[in-house]
Structure formats: C-alpha cells, structure tokens
Amino acid sequence: MADDLILLNLWSSPFGMRVRITLAEKGLDYKLIEEDLSNKSPLLLKMNPVHKQIPVLIHKGRPIYESLITVQYIDEVWRHKSPLLPSDPYA
C-alpha cells in the first residue's frame, strides 16, 4: 500500500503531523518524502501548483492537500478502519 500513498511533508509541520497521526491511527502504510521548503521539489510543485505548500497526500497519483480535508479524505476512504470523525456531521 505504500506505493499507493505518498506524503510530502516537513518534520516540523504541525499540519503535516495531523495527517501523519491520522495515517497512523488508521494503520496505513505510506511513503514519506521530506520536503525542503527553501528548495521545493518538482513533485511538490506539480502536486500543489497553486499553494506550493505541504502537507500533500498523494493517493493513486492524485493529490489531496489542506490538512483538514486530507484527514476527512483518509477517514472516508478507509472507513472500515477505526473511524475518527462522527458519522453525523452535526455531532
């Protein structure tokens, strides 16, 4: 599964930590690529061309960015593994 999931991140990013904790809670394997924000990689620029920021989760070649949206995405795609968010949106 690590081939399906790639996380572009920086170790000190609290937003990236949110995504890493979510992946760990779900028990998902992923490939972590540490970014140097002073010298952004071509992959980061390709996957997040508008904001050019981390974290970016790449799932099956498609980028998901913005950490809260990424957490929601992970929770919805892997629903069968310990749900993190309530099923009732109001709750």
PDB file of N, CA and C in Angstrom:
ATOM      1  N   MET A   1       0.818  -1.201   0.000  1.00  0.00           N
ATOM      2  CA  MET A   1       0.000   0.000   0.000  1.00  0.00           C
ATOM      3  C   MET A   1       0.855   1.255   0.000  1.00  0.00           C
ATOM      4  N   ALA A   2       2.100   1.161   0.431  1.00  0.00           N
ATOM      5  CA  ALA A   2       2.974   2.335   0.454  1.00  0.00           C
ATOM      6  C   ALA A   2       3.148   2.927  -0.940  1.00  0.00           C
ATOM      7  N   ASP A   3       2.973   2.085  -1.979  1.00  0.00           N
ATOM      8  CA  ASP A   3       3.066   2.592  -3.338  1.00  0.00           C
ATOM      9  C   ASP A   3       1.876   3.472  -3.682  1.00  0.00           C
ATOM     10  N   ASP A   4       0.740   3.221  -3.034  1.00  0.00           N
ATOM     11  CA  ASP A   4      -0.466   3.999  -3.297  1.00  0.00           C
ATOM     12  C   ASP A   4      -0.489   5.326  -2.549  1.00  0.00           C
ATOM     13  N   LEU A   5       0.174   5.393  -1.411  1.00  0.00           N
ATOM     14  CA  LEU A   5       0.145   6.587  -0.562  1.00  0.00           C
ATOM     15  C   LEU A   5       1.530   7.190  -0.416  1.00  0.00           C
ATOM     16  N   ILE A   6       1.623   8.465  -0.761  1.00  0.00           N
ATOM     17  CA  ILE A   6       2.867   9.221  -0.582  1.00  0.00           C
ATOM     18  C   ILE A   6       2.499  10.492   0.159  1.00  0.00           C
ATOM     19  N   LEU A   7       3.273  10.827   1.173  1.00  0.00           N
ATOM     20  CA  LEU A   7       3.042  12.057   1.921  1.00  0.00           C
ATOM     21  C   LEU A   7       4.245  12.976   1.741  1.00  0.00           C
ATOM     22  N   LEU A   8       3.999  14.139   1.165  1.00  0.00           N
ATOM     23  CA  LEU A   8       5.021  15.183   1.070  1.00  0.00           C
ATOM     24  C   LEU A   8       4.864  16.042   2.308  1.00  0.00           C
ATOM     25  N   ASN A   9       5.920  16.136   3.089  1.00  0.00           N
ATOM     26  CA  ASN A   9       5.790  16.750   4.405  1.00  0.00           C
ATOM     27  C   ASN A   9       7.120  17.344   4.858  1.00  0.00           C
ATOM     28  N   LEU A  10       7.083  18.038   5.958  1.00  0.00           N
ATOM     29  CA  LEU A  10       8.256  18.551   6.649  1.00  0.00           C
ATOM     30  C   LEU A  10       8.103  18.135   8.106  1.00  0.00           C
ATOM     31  N   TRP A  11       9.138  17.597   8.692  1.00  0.00           N
ATOM     32  CA  TRP A  11       9.041  17.021  10.043  1.00  0.00           C
ATOM     33  C   TRP A  11       8.491  18.005  11.069  1.00  0.00           C
ATOM     34  N   SER A  12       8.731  19.293  10.893  1.00  0.00           N
ATOM     35  CA  SER A  12       8.325  20.268  11.906  1.00  0.00           C
ATOM     36  C   SER A  12       6.936  20.867  11.659  1.00  0.00           C
ATOM     37  N   SER A  13       6.242  20.417  10.633  1.00  0.00           N
ATOM     38  CA  SER A  13       4.939  20.985  10.305  1.00  0.00           C
ATOM     39  C   SER A  13       3.838  20.409  11.198  1.00  0.00           C
ATOM     40  N   PRO A  14       3.139  21.254  11.959  1.00  0.00           N
ATOM     41  CA  PRO A  14       2.025  20.746  12.771  1.00  0.00           C
ATOM     42  C   PRO A  14       0.876  20.248  11.897  1.00  0.00           C
ATOM     43  N   PHE A  15       0.720  20.823  10.709  1.00  0.00           N
ATOM     44  CA  PHE A  15      -0.336  20.388   9.798  1.00  0.00           C
ATOM     45  C   PHE A  15       0.002  19.017   9.221  1.00  0.00           C
ATOM     46  N   GLY A  16       1.272  18.815   8.920  1.00  0.00           N
ATOM     47  CA  GLY A  16       1.726  17.514   8.461  1.00  0.00           C
ATOM     48  C   GLY A  16       1.609  16.468   9.554  1.00  0.00           C
ATOM     49  N   MET A  17       1.851  16.868  10.787  1.00  0.00           N
ATOM     50  CA  MET A  17       1.724  15.947  11.921  1.00  0.00           C
ATOM     51  C   MET A  17       0.283  15.470  12.052  1.00  0.00           C
ATOM     52  N   ARG A  18      -0.664  16.348  11.802  1.00  0.00           N
ATOM     53  CA  ARG A  18      -2.089  15.981  11.852  1.00  0.00           C
ATOM     54  C   ARG A  18      -2.364  14.840  10.862  1.00  0.00           C
ATOM     55  N   VAL A  19      -1.822  14.947   9.670  1.00  0.00           N
ATOM     56  CA  VAL A  19      -2.018  13.911   8.649  1.00  0.00           C
ATOM     57  C   VAL A  19      -1.288  12.627   9.041  1.00  0.00           C
ATOM     58  N   ARG A  20      -0.066  12.756   9.560  1.00  0.00           N
ATOM     59  CA  ARG A  20       0.703  11.578   9.961  1.00  0.00           C
ATOM     60  C   ARG A  20       0.006  10.827  11.101  1.00  0.00           C
ATOM     61  N   ILE A  21      -0.563  11.546  12.050  1.00  0.00           N
ATOM     62  CA  ILE A  21      -1.296  10.914  13.153  1.00  0.00           C
ATOM     63  C   ILE A  21      -2.517  10.175  12.604  1.00  0.00           C
ATOM     64  N   THR A  22      -3.219  10.785  11.669  1.00  0.00           N
ATOM     65  CA  THR A  22      -4.388  10.144  11.070  1.00  0.00           C
ATOM     66  C   THR A  22      -3.994   8.859  10.342  1.00  0.00           C
ATOM     67  N   LEU A  23      -2.924   8.901   9.566  1.00  0.00           N
ATOM     68  CA  LEU A  23      -2.448   7.709   8.867  1.00  0.00           C
ATOM     69  C   LEU A  23      -2.052   6.617   9.865  1.00  0.00           C
ATOM     70  N   ALA A  24      -1.416   7.022  10.963  1.00  0.00           N
ATOM     71  CA  ALA A  24      -1.015   6.052  11.987  1.00  0.00           C
ATOM     72  C   ALA A  24      -2.235   5.445  12.677  1.00  0.00           C
ATOM     73  N   GLU A  25      -3.232   6.265  13.001  1.00  0.00           N
ATOM     74  CA  GLU A  25      -4.443   5.770  13.645  1.00  0.00           C
ATOM     75  C   GLU A  25      -5.183   4.770  12.765  1.00  0.00           C
ATOM     76  N   LYS A  26      -5.133   4.990  11.473  1.00  0.00           N
ATOM     77  CA  LYS A  26      -5.785   4.087  10.531  1.00  0.00           C
ATOM     78  C   LYS A  26      -4.915   2.868  10.217  1.00  0.00           C
ATOM     79  N   GLY A  27      -3.651   2.899  10.639  1.00  0.00           N
ATOM     80  CA  GLY A  27      -2.751   1.779  10.392  1.00  0.00           C
ATOM     81  C   GLY A  27      -2.343   1.655   8.937  1.00  0.00           C
ATOM     82  N   LEU A  28      -2.236   2.781   8.242  1.00  0.00           N
ATOM     83  CA  LEU A  28      -1.921   2.779   6.821  1.00  0.00           C
ATOM     84  C   LEU A  28      -0.421   2.930   6.586  1.00  0.00           C
ATOM     85  N   ASP A  29       0.082   2.168   5.627  1.00  0.00           N
ATOM     86  CA  ASP A  29       1.477   2.303   5.211  1.00  0.00           C
ATOM     87  C   ASP A  29       1.554   3.380   4.142  1.00  0.00           C
ATOM     88  N   TYR A  30       2.590   4.196   4.217  1.00  0.00           N
ATOM     89  CA  TYR A  30       2.768   5.253   3.238  1.00  0.00           C
ATOM     90  C   TYR A  30       4.247   5.560   3.093  1.00  0.00           C
ATOM     91  N   LYS A  31       4.570   6.169   1.986  1.00  0.00           N
ATOM     92  CA  LYS A  31       5.942   6.600   1.753  1.00  0.00           C
ATOM     93  C   LYS A  31       6.020   8.073   2.138  1.00  0.00           C
ATOM     94  N   LEU A  32       6.957   8.411   3.003  1.00  0.00           N
ATOM     95  CA  LEU A  32       7.132   9.781   3.450  1.00  0.00           C
ATOM     96  C   LEU A  32       8.283  10.421   2.677  1.00  0.00           C
ATOM     97  N   ILE A  33       8.012  11.562   2.071  1.00  0.00           N
ATOM     98  CA  ILE A  33       9.048  12.324   1.392  1.00  0.00           C
ATOM     99  C   ILE A  33       9.173  13.663   2.103  1.00  0.00           C
ATOM    100  N   GLU A  34      10.326  13.862   2.728  1.00  0.00           N
ATOM    101  CA  GLU A  34      10.588  15.120   3.433  1.00  0.00           C
ATOM    102  C   GLU A  34      10.930  16.211   2.418  1.00  0.00           C
ATOM    103  N   GLU A  35      10.274  17.338   2.540  1.00  0.00           N
ATOM    104  CA  GLU A  35      10.482  18.463   1.630  1.00  0.00           C
ATOM    105  C   GLU A  35      11.403  19.507   2.248  1.00  0.00           C
ATOM    106  N   ASP A  36      12.167  20.144   1.407  1.00  0.00           N
ATOM    107  CA  ASP A  36      12.975  21.306   1.784  1.00  0.00           C
ATOM    108  C   ASP A  36      12.231  22.512   1.219  1.00  0.00           C
ATOM    109  N   LEU A  37      11.598  23.280   2.080  1.00  0.00           N
ATOM    110  CA  LEU A  37      10.737  24.361   1.609  1.00  0.00           C
ATOM    111  C   LEU A  37      11.506  25.521   0.985  1.00  0.00           C
ATOM    112  N   SER A  38      12.811  25.588   1.218  1.00  0.00           N
ATOM    113  CA  SER A  38      13.605  26.619   0.546  1.00  0.00           C
ATOM    114  C   SER A  38      14.010  26.173  -0.857  1.00  0.00           C
ATOM    115  N   ASN A  39      13.847  24.888  -1.135  1.00  0.00           N
ATOM    116  CA  ASN A  39      14.165  24.329  -2.455  1.00  0.00           C
ATOM    117  C   ASN A  39      13.111  23.264  -2.758  1.00  0.00           C
ATOM    118  N   LYS A  40      11.919  23.704  -3.137  1.00  0.00           N
ATOM    119  CA  LYS A  40      10.779  22.798  -3.305  1.00  0.00           C
ATOM    120  C   LYS A  40      11.005  21.844  -4.471  1.00  0.00           C
ATOM    121  N   SER A  41      10.613  20.596  -4.246  1.00  0.00           N
ATOM    122  CA  SER A  41      10.819  19.562  -5.256  1.00  0.00           C
ATOM    123  C   SER A  41       9.842  19.738  -6.419  1.00  0.00           C
ATOM    124  N   PRO A  42      10.227  19.229  -7.588  1.00  0.00           N
ATOM    125  CA  PRO A  42       9.303  19.261  -8.732  1.00  0.00           C
ATOM    126  C   PRO A  42       7.996  18.511  -8.446  1.00  0.00           C
ATOM    127  N   LEU A  43       8.078  17.449  -7.633  1.00  0.00           N
ATOM    128  CA  LEU A  43       6.870  16.701  -7.292  1.00  0.00           C
ATOM    129  C   LEU A  43       5.898  17.563  -6.487  1.00  0.00           C
ATOM    130  N   LEU A  44       6.408  18.311  -5.513  1.00  0.00           N
ATOM    131  CA  LEU A  44       5.549  19.201  -4.725  1.00  0.00           C
ATOM    132  C   LEU A  44       4.935  20.272  -5.617  1.00  0.00           C
ATOM    133  N   LEU A  45       5.731  20.867  -6.480  1.00  0.00           N
ATOM    134  CA  LEU A  45       5.227  21.919  -7.363  1.00  0.00           C
ATOM    135  C   LEU A  45       4.189  21.370  -8.345  1.00  0.00           C
ATOM    136  N   LYS A  46       4.333  20.122  -8.743  1.00  0.00           N
ATOM    137  CA  LYS A  46       3.365  19.509  -9.647  1.00  0.00           C
ATOM    138  C   LYS A  46       2.072  19.149  -8.920  1.00  0.00           C
ATOM    139  N   MET A  47       2.190  18.628  -7.697  1.00  0.00           N
ATOM    140  CA  MET A  47       1.024  18.152  -6.967  1.00  0.00           C
ATOM    141  C   MET A  47       0.245  19.260  -6.262  1.00  0.00           C
ATOM    142  N   ASN A  48       0.891  20.370  -5.957  1.00  0.00           N
ATOM    143  CA  ASN A  48       0.210  21.503  -5.329  1.00  0.00           C
ATOM    144  C   ASN A  48       0.670  22.784  -6.026  1.00  0.00           C
ATOM    145  N   PRO A  49       0.277  22.967  -7.305  1.00  0.00           N
ATOM    146  CA  PRO A  49       0.803  24.084  -8.083  1.00  0.00           C
ATOM    147  C   PRO A  49       0.305  25.459  -7.635  1.00  0.00           C
ATOM    148  N   VAL A  50      -0.832  25.517  -6.971  1.00  0.00           N
ATOM    149  CA  VAL A  50      -1.386  26.813  -6.572  1.00  0.00           C
ATOM    150  C   VAL A  50      -0.714  27.326  -5.307  1.00  0.00           C
ATOM    151  N   HIS A  51      -0.766  26.540  -4.235  1.00  0.00           N
ATOM    152  CA  HIS A  51      -0.253  26.996  -2.943  1.00  0.00           C
ATOM    153  C   HIS A  51       1.208  26.617  -2.718  1.00  0.00           C
ATOM    154  N   LYS A  52       1.660  25.527  -3.342  1.00  0.00           N
ATOM    155  CA  LYS A  52       3.050  25.066  -3.226  1.00  0.00           C
ATOM    156  C   LYS A  52       3.452  24.837  -1.776  1.00  0.00           C
ATOM    157  N   GLN A  53       2.518  24.274  -0.989  1.00  0.00           N
ATOM    158  CA  GLN A  53       2.762  24.051   0.432  1.00  0.00           C
ATOM    159  C   GLN A  53       2.580  22.587   0.782  1.00  0.00           C
ATOM    160  N   ILE A  54       3.061  22.233   1.941  1.00  0.00           N
ATOM    161  CA  ILE A  54       2.897  20.894   2.487  1.00  0.00           C
ATOM    162  C   ILE A  54       1.847  20.972   3.586  1.00  0.00           C
ATOM    163  N   PRO A  55       1.264  19.891   3.997  1.00  0.00           N
ATOM    164  CA  PRO A  55       1.410  18.527   3.514  1.00  0.00           C
ATOM    165  C   PRO A  55       0.567  18.281   2.272  1.00  0.00           C
ATOM    166  N   VAL A  56       1.038  17.341   1.462  1.00  0.00           N
ATOM    167  CA  VAL A  56       0.283  16.868   0.306  1.00  0.00           C
ATOM    168  C   VAL A  56       0.271  15.347   0.390  1.00  0.00           C
ATOM    169  N   LEU A  57      -0.907  14.782   0.406  1.00  0.00           N
ATOM    170  CA  LEU A  57      -1.049  13.331   0.357  1.00  0.00           C
ATOM    171  C   LEU A  57      -1.360  12.966  -1.086  1.00  0.00           C
ATOM    172  N   ILE A  58      -0.585  12.035  -1.631  1.00  0.00           N
ATOM    173  CA  ILE A  58      -0.819  11.576  -2.995  1.00  0.00           C
ATOM    174  C   ILE A  58      -1.351  10.151  -2.895  1.00  0.00           C
ATOM    175  N   HIS A  59      -2.576   9.971  -3.333  1.00  0.00           N
ATOM    176  CA  HIS A  59      -3.224   8.652  -3.294  1.00  0.00           C
ATOM    177  C   HIS A  59      -3.538   8.238  -4.727  1.00  0.00           C
ATOM    178  N   LYS A  60      -2.909   7.172  -5.165  1.00  0.00           N
ATOM    179  CA  LYS A  60      -3.081   6.658  -6.531  1.00  0.00           C
ATOM    180  C   LYS A  60      -2.835   7.746  -7.566  1.00  0.00           C
ATOM    181  N   GLY A  61      -1.816   8.572  -7.319  1.00  0.00           N
ATOM    182  CA  GLY A  61      -1.424   9.605  -8.270  1.00  0.00           C
ATOM    183  C   GLY A  61      -2.199  10.902  -8.183  1.00  0.00           C
ATOM    184  N   ARG A  62      -3.172  10.978  -7.287  1.00  0.00           N
ATOM    185  CA  ARG A  62      -3.980  12.193  -7.140  1.00  0.00           C
ATOM    186  C   ARG A  62      -3.621  12.909  -5.844  1.00  0.00           C
ATOM    187  N   PRO A  63      -3.403  14.223  -5.912  1.00  0.00           N
ATOM    188  CA  PRO A  63      -3.027  14.965  -4.708  1.00  0.00           C
ATOM    189  C   PRO A  63      -4.237  15.399  -3.881  1.00  0.00           C
ATOM    190  N   ILE A  64      -4.053  15.363  -2.570  1.00  0.00           N
ATOM    191  CA  ILE A  64      -5.018  15.922  -1.622  1.00  0.00           C
ATOM    192  C   ILE A  64      -4.213  16.827  -0.711  1.00  0.00           C
ATOM    193  N   TYR A  65      -4.600  18.085  -0.611  1.00  0.00           N
ATOM    194  CA  TYR A  65      -3.882  18.997   0.264  1.00  0.00           C
ATOM    195  C   TYR A  65      -4.864  19.738   1.148  1.00  0.00           C
ATOM    196  N   GLU A  66      -4.339  20.544   2.041  1.00  0.00           N
ATOM    197  CA  GLU A  66      -5.062  21.142   3.164  1.00  0.00           C
ATOM    198  C   GLU A  66      -5.303  20.033   4.182  1.00  0.00           C
ATOM    199  N   SER A  67      -4.670  20.137   5.321  1.00  0.00           N
ATOM    200  CA  SER A  67      -4.617  19.033   6.281  1.00  0.00           C
ATOM    201  C   SER A  67      -5.988  18.554   6.765  1.00  0.00           C
ATOM    202  N   LEU A  68      -6.922  19.448   7.023  1.00  0.00           N
ATOM    203  CA  LEU A  68      -8.242  19.008   7.486  1.00  0.00           C
ATOM    204  C   LEU A  68      -8.998  18.255   6.396  1.00  0.00           C
ATOM    205  N   ILE A  69      -8.871  18.703   5.168  1.00  0.00           N
ATOM    206  CA  ILE A  69      -9.502  17.997   4.048  1.00  0.00           C
ATOM    207  C   ILE A  69      -8.850  16.635   3.876  1.00  0.00           C
ATOM    208  N   THR A  70      -7.544  16.572   4.061  1.00  0.00           N
ATOM    209  CA  THR A  70      -6.822  15.307   3.953  1.00  0.00           C
ATOM    210  C   THR A  70      -7.275  14.332   5.033  1.00  0.00           C
ATOM    211  N   VAL A  71      -7.447  14.809   6.261  1.00  0.00           N
ATOM    212  CA  VAL A  71      -7.926  13.953   7.353  1.00  0.00           C
ATOM    213  C   VAL A  71      -9.317  13.412   7.019  1.00  0.00           C
ATOM    214  N   GLN A  72     -10.209  14.267   6.527  1.00  0.00           N
ATOM    215  CA  GLN A  72     -11.549  13.827   6.133  1.00  0.00           C
ATOM    216  C   GLN A  72     -11.462  12.782   5.024  1.00  0.00           C
ATOM    217  N   TYR A  73     -10.618  13.032   4.047  1.00  0.00           N
ATOM    218  CA  TYR A  73     -10.462  12.103   2.923  1.00  0.00           C
ATOM    219  C   TYR A  73     -10.008  10.732   3.422  1.00  0.00           C
ATOM    220  N   ILE A  74      -8.988  10.708   4.259  1.00  0.00           N
ATOM    221  CA  ILE A  74      -8.475   9.443   4.789  1.00  0.00           C
ATOM    222  C   ILE A  74      -9.569   8.712   5.557  1.00  0.00           C
ATOM    223  N   ASP A  75     -10.316   9.455   6.377  1.00  0.00           N
ATOM    224  CA  ASP A  75     -11.369   8.833   7.184  1.00  0.00           C
ATOM    225  C   ASP A  75     -12.486   8.268   6.304  1.00  0.00           C
ATOM    226  N   GLU A  76     -12.803   8.930   5.203  1.00  0.00           N
ATOM    227  CA  GLU A  76     -13.866   8.447   4.325  1.00  0.00           C
ATOM    228  C   GLU A  76     -13.413   7.273   3.459  1.00  0.00           C
ATOM    229  N   VAL A  77     -12.191   7.318   2.953  1.00  0.00           N
ATOM    230  CA  VAL A  77     -11.715   6.244   2.086  1.00  0.00           C
ATOM    231  C   VAL A  77     -11.496   4.954   2.872  1.00  0.00           C
ATOM    232  N   TRP A  78     -10.935   5.062   4.064  1.00  0.00           N
ATOM    233  CA  TRP A  78     -10.670   3.887   4.895  1.00  0.00           C
ATOM    234  C   TRP A  78     -11.637   3.863   6.085  1.00  0.00           C
ATOM    235  N   ARG A  79     -12.904   3.928   5.778  1.00  0.00           N
ATOM    236  CA  ARG A  79     -13.969   3.949   6.779  1.00  0.00           C
ATOM    237  C   ARG A  79     -13.966   2.724   7.687  1.00  0.00           C
ATOM    238  N   HIS A  80     -13.620   1.584   7.142  1.00  0.00           N
ATOM    239  CA  HIS A  80     -13.665   0.322   7.889  1.00  0.00           C
ATOM    240  C   HIS A  80     -12.577   0.220   8.955  1.00  0.00           C
ATOM    241  N   LYS A  81     -11.608   1.122   8.956  1.00  0.00           N
ATOM    242  CA  LYS A  81     -10.523   1.089   9.947  1.00  0.00           C
ATOM    243  C   LYS A  81     -10.732   2.220  10.951  1.00  0.00           C
ATOM    244  N   SER A  82     -11.138   1.888  12.132  1.00  0.00           N
ATOM    245  CA  SER A  82     -11.329   2.818  13.248  1.00  0.00           C
ATOM    246  C   SER A  82     -11.708   4.242  12.825  1.00  0.00           C
ATOM    247  N   PRO A  83     -12.997   4.518  12.655  1.00  0.00           N
ATOM    248  CA  PRO A  83     -13.440   5.853  12.246  1.00  0.00           C
ATOM    249  C   PRO A  83     -12.978   6.927  13.237  1.00  0.00           C
ATOM    250  N   LEU A  84     -12.539   8.045  12.701  1.00  0.00           N
ATOM    251  CA  LEU A  84     -12.039   9.139  13.530  1.00  0.00           C
ATOM    252  C   LEU A  84     -13.071  10.254  13.690  1.00  0.00           C
ATOM    253  N   LEU A  85     -13.883  10.449  12.683  1.00  0.00           N
ATOM    254  CA  LEU A  85     -14.871  11.523  12.692  1.00  0.00           C
ATOM    255  C   LEU A  85     -16.269  10.925  12.880  1.00  0.00           C
ATOM    256  N   PRO A  86     -17.186  11.636  13.494  1.00  0.00           N
ATOM    257  CA  PRO A  86     -18.536  11.099  13.708  1.00  0.00           C
ATOM    258  C   PRO A  86     -19.282  10.937  12.385  1.00  0.00           C
ATOM    259  N   SER A  87     -20.178   9.960  12.327  1.00  0.00           N
ATOM    260  CA  SER A  87     -20.963   9.746  11.103  1.00  0.00           C
ATOM    261  C   SER A  87     -22.015  10.840  10.923  1.00  0.00           C
ATOM    262  N   ASP A  88     -22.461  11.434  12.019  1.00  0.00           N
ATOM    263  CA  ASP A  88     -23.408  12.539  11.969  1.00  0.00           C
ATOM    264  C   ASP A  88     -22.616  13.850  11.900  1.00  0.00           C
ATOM    265  N   PRO A  89     -22.739  14.612  10.792  1.00  0.00           N
ATOM    266  CA  PRO A  89     -21.950  15.832  10.642  1.00  0.00           C
ATOM    267  C   PRO A  89     -22.149  16.844  11.763  1.00  0.00           C
ATOM    268  N   TYR A  90     -23.356  16.886  12.334  1.00  0.00           N
ATOM    269  CA  TYR A  90     -23.623  17.837  13.418  1.00  0.00           C
ATOM    270  C   TYR A  90     -22.876  17.441  14.694  1.00  0.00           C
ATOM    271  N   ALA A  91     -22.745  16.128  14.890  1.00  0.00           N
ATOM    272  CA  ALA A  91     -22.070  15.636  16.095  1.00  0.00           C
ATOM    273  C   ALA A  91     -20.609  15.987  16.038  1.00  0.00           C
TER     274      ALA A  91
END
